[in-house]
Amino acid sequence: MFFVFFLATIVIFGPLFGAAIFQWLWNITMPEAFGLRQIRFWVAFRLLLIAAFLTSGGLIRLAFDLR
């Protein structure tokens, strides 16, 4: 039961945490390096999902690949 709760927590909060880290890195790097504007959280989340989809072959594989 603990494992199921732990896995559900990771599946729910993992991408949100990843998007927050991505947004923070973008906002401190890109405006200075390339003159781009800062992005909002949900834009970072969508970019993270697009990158995951493009590099893993799909979101379902990404979520359920337990190798």
C-alpha atoms as a PDB file:
ATOM      1  CA  MET A   1       0.000   0.000   0.000  1.00  0.00           C
ATOM      2  CA  PHE A   2       2.850   2.383   0.822  1.00  0.00           C
ATOM      3  CA  PHE A   3       4.462   1.665  -2.550  1.00  0.00           C
ATOM      4  CA  VAL A   4       1.248   2.567  -4.408  1.00  0.00           C
ATOM      5  CA  PHE A   5       0.938   5.837  -2.473  1.00  0.00           C
ATOM      6  CA  PHE A   6       4.627   6.628  -3.094  1.00  0.00           C
ATOM      7  CA  LEU A   7       4.307   5.870  -6.812  1.00  0.00           C
ATOM      8  CA  ALA A   8       1.153   7.991  -7.124  1.00  0.00           C
ATOM      9  CA  THR A   9       2.898  10.874  -5.370  1.00  0.00           C
ATOM     10  CA  ILE A  10       5.869  10.650  -7.737  1.00  0.00           C
ATOM     11  CA  VAL A  11       3.621  10.469 -10.811  1.00  0.00           C
ATOM     12  CA  ILE A  12       1.611  13.509  -9.713  1.00  0.00           C
ATOM     13  CA  PHE A  13       4.286  15.756  -8.236  1.00  0.00           C
ATOM     14  CA  GLY A  14       7.301  14.677 -10.287  1.00  0.00           C
ATOM     15  CA  PRO A  15       6.315  16.516 -13.484  1.00  0.00           C
ATOM     16  CA  LEU A  16       5.195  19.577 -11.507  1.00  0.00           C
ATOM     17  CA  PHE A  17       8.533  19.721  -9.699  1.00  0.00           C
ATOM     18  CA  GLY A  18      10.351  19.197 -12.994  1.00  0.00           C
ATOM     19  CA  ALA A  19       8.417  22.039 -14.615  1.00  0.00           C
ATOM     20  CA  ALA A  20       9.251  24.359 -11.713  1.00  0.00           C
ATOM     21  CA  ILE A  21      12.961  23.526 -12.012  1.00  0.00           C
ATOM     22  CA  PHE A  22      12.803  23.987 -15.809  1.00  0.00           C
ATOM     23  CA  GLN A  23      11.069  27.352 -15.418  1.00  0.00           C
ATOM     24  CA  TRP A  24      13.625  28.539 -12.873  1.00  0.00           C
ATOM     25  CA  LEU A  25      16.563  27.481 -15.066  1.00  0.00           C
ATOM     26  CA  TRP A  26      14.981  29.111 -18.124  1.00  0.00           C
ATOM     27  CA  ASN A  27      14.277  32.365 -16.279  1.00  0.00           C
ATOM     28  CA  ILE A  28      17.818  32.732 -14.962  1.00  0.00           C
ATOM     29  CA  THR A  29      19.592  31.620 -18.158  1.00  0.00           C
ATOM     30  CA  MET A  30      17.726  32.473 -21.363  1.00  0.00           C
ATOM     31  CA  PRO A  31      16.895  36.171 -20.853  1.00  0.00           C
ATOM     32  CA  GLU A  32      20.539  37.000 -20.233  1.00  0.00           C
ATOM     33  CA  ALA A  33      22.070  34.623 -22.780  1.00  0.00           C
ATOM     34  CA  PHE A  34      19.737  35.154 -25.747  1.00  0.00           C
ATOM     35  CA  GLY A  35      17.537  38.119 -24.884  1.00  0.00           C
ATOM     36  CA  LEU A  36      14.409  35.958 -24.514  1.00  0.00           C
ATOM     37  CA  ARG A  37      11.581  36.751 -22.120  1.00  0.00           C
ATOM     38  CA  GLN A  38      10.770  34.878 -18.930  1.00  0.00           C
ATOM     39  CA  ILE A  39       8.181  32.099 -19.032  1.00  0.00           C
ATOM     40  CA  ARG A  40       5.298  31.163 -16.725  1.00  0.00           C
ATOM     41  CA  PHE A  41       4.932  27.850 -14.876  1.00  0.00           C
ATOM     42  CA  TRP A  42       2.416  26.290 -17.268  1.00  0.00           C
ATOM     43  CA  VAL A  43       4.528  27.184 -20.296  1.00  0.00           C
ATOM     44  CA  ALA A  44       7.449  25.411 -18.644  1.00  0.00           C
ATOM     45  CA  PHE A  45       5.197  22.429 -17.884  1.00  0.00           C
ATOM     46  CA  ARG A  46       4.080  22.190 -21.523  1.00  0.00           C
ATOM     47  CA  LEU A  47       7.669  22.448 -22.771  1.00  0.00           C
ATOM     48  CA  LEU A  48       8.671  19.684 -20.368  1.00  0.00           C
ATOM     49  CA  LEU A  49       5.852  17.457 -21.651  1.00  0.00           C
ATOM     50  CA  ILE A  50       6.797  18.152 -25.274  1.00  0.00           C
ATOM     51  CA  ALA A  51      10.447  17.303 -24.554  1.00  0.00           C
ATOM     52  CA  ALA A  52       9.440  14.106 -22.753  1.00  0.00           C
ATOM     53  CA  PHE A  53       7.193  13.095 -25.620  1.00  0.00           C
ATOM     54  CA  LEU A  54       9.840  13.762 -28.254  1.00  0.00           C
ATOM     55  CA  THR A  55      12.674  12.010 -26.441  1.00  0.00           C
ATOM     56  CA  SER A  56      10.876   8.975 -25.011  1.00  0.00           C
ATOM     57  CA  GLY A  57       8.469   8.007 -27.767  1.00  0.00           C
ATOM     58  CA  GLY A  58       5.340   8.976 -25.837  1.00  0.00           C
ATOM     59  CA  LEU A  59       3.997  10.009 -22.479  1.00  0.00           C
ATOM     60  CA  ILE A  60       2.528   6.608 -21.673  1.00  0.00           C
ATOM     61  CA  ARG A  61       5.884   4.916 -22.122  1.00  0.00           C
ATOM     62  CA  LEU A  62       7.492   7.618 -19.985  1.00  0.00           C
ATOM     63  CA  ALA A  63       5.008   7.095 -17.143  1.00  0.00           C
ATOM     64  CA  PHE A  64       5.023   3.291 -17.132  1.00  0.00           C
ATOM     65  CA  ASP A  65       8.584   2.385 -18.068  1.00  0.00           C
ATOM     66  CA  LEU A  66       9.776   0.777 -14.822  1.00  0.00           C
ATOM     67  CA  ARG A  67      13.056  -0.706 -15.994  1.00  0.00           C
END
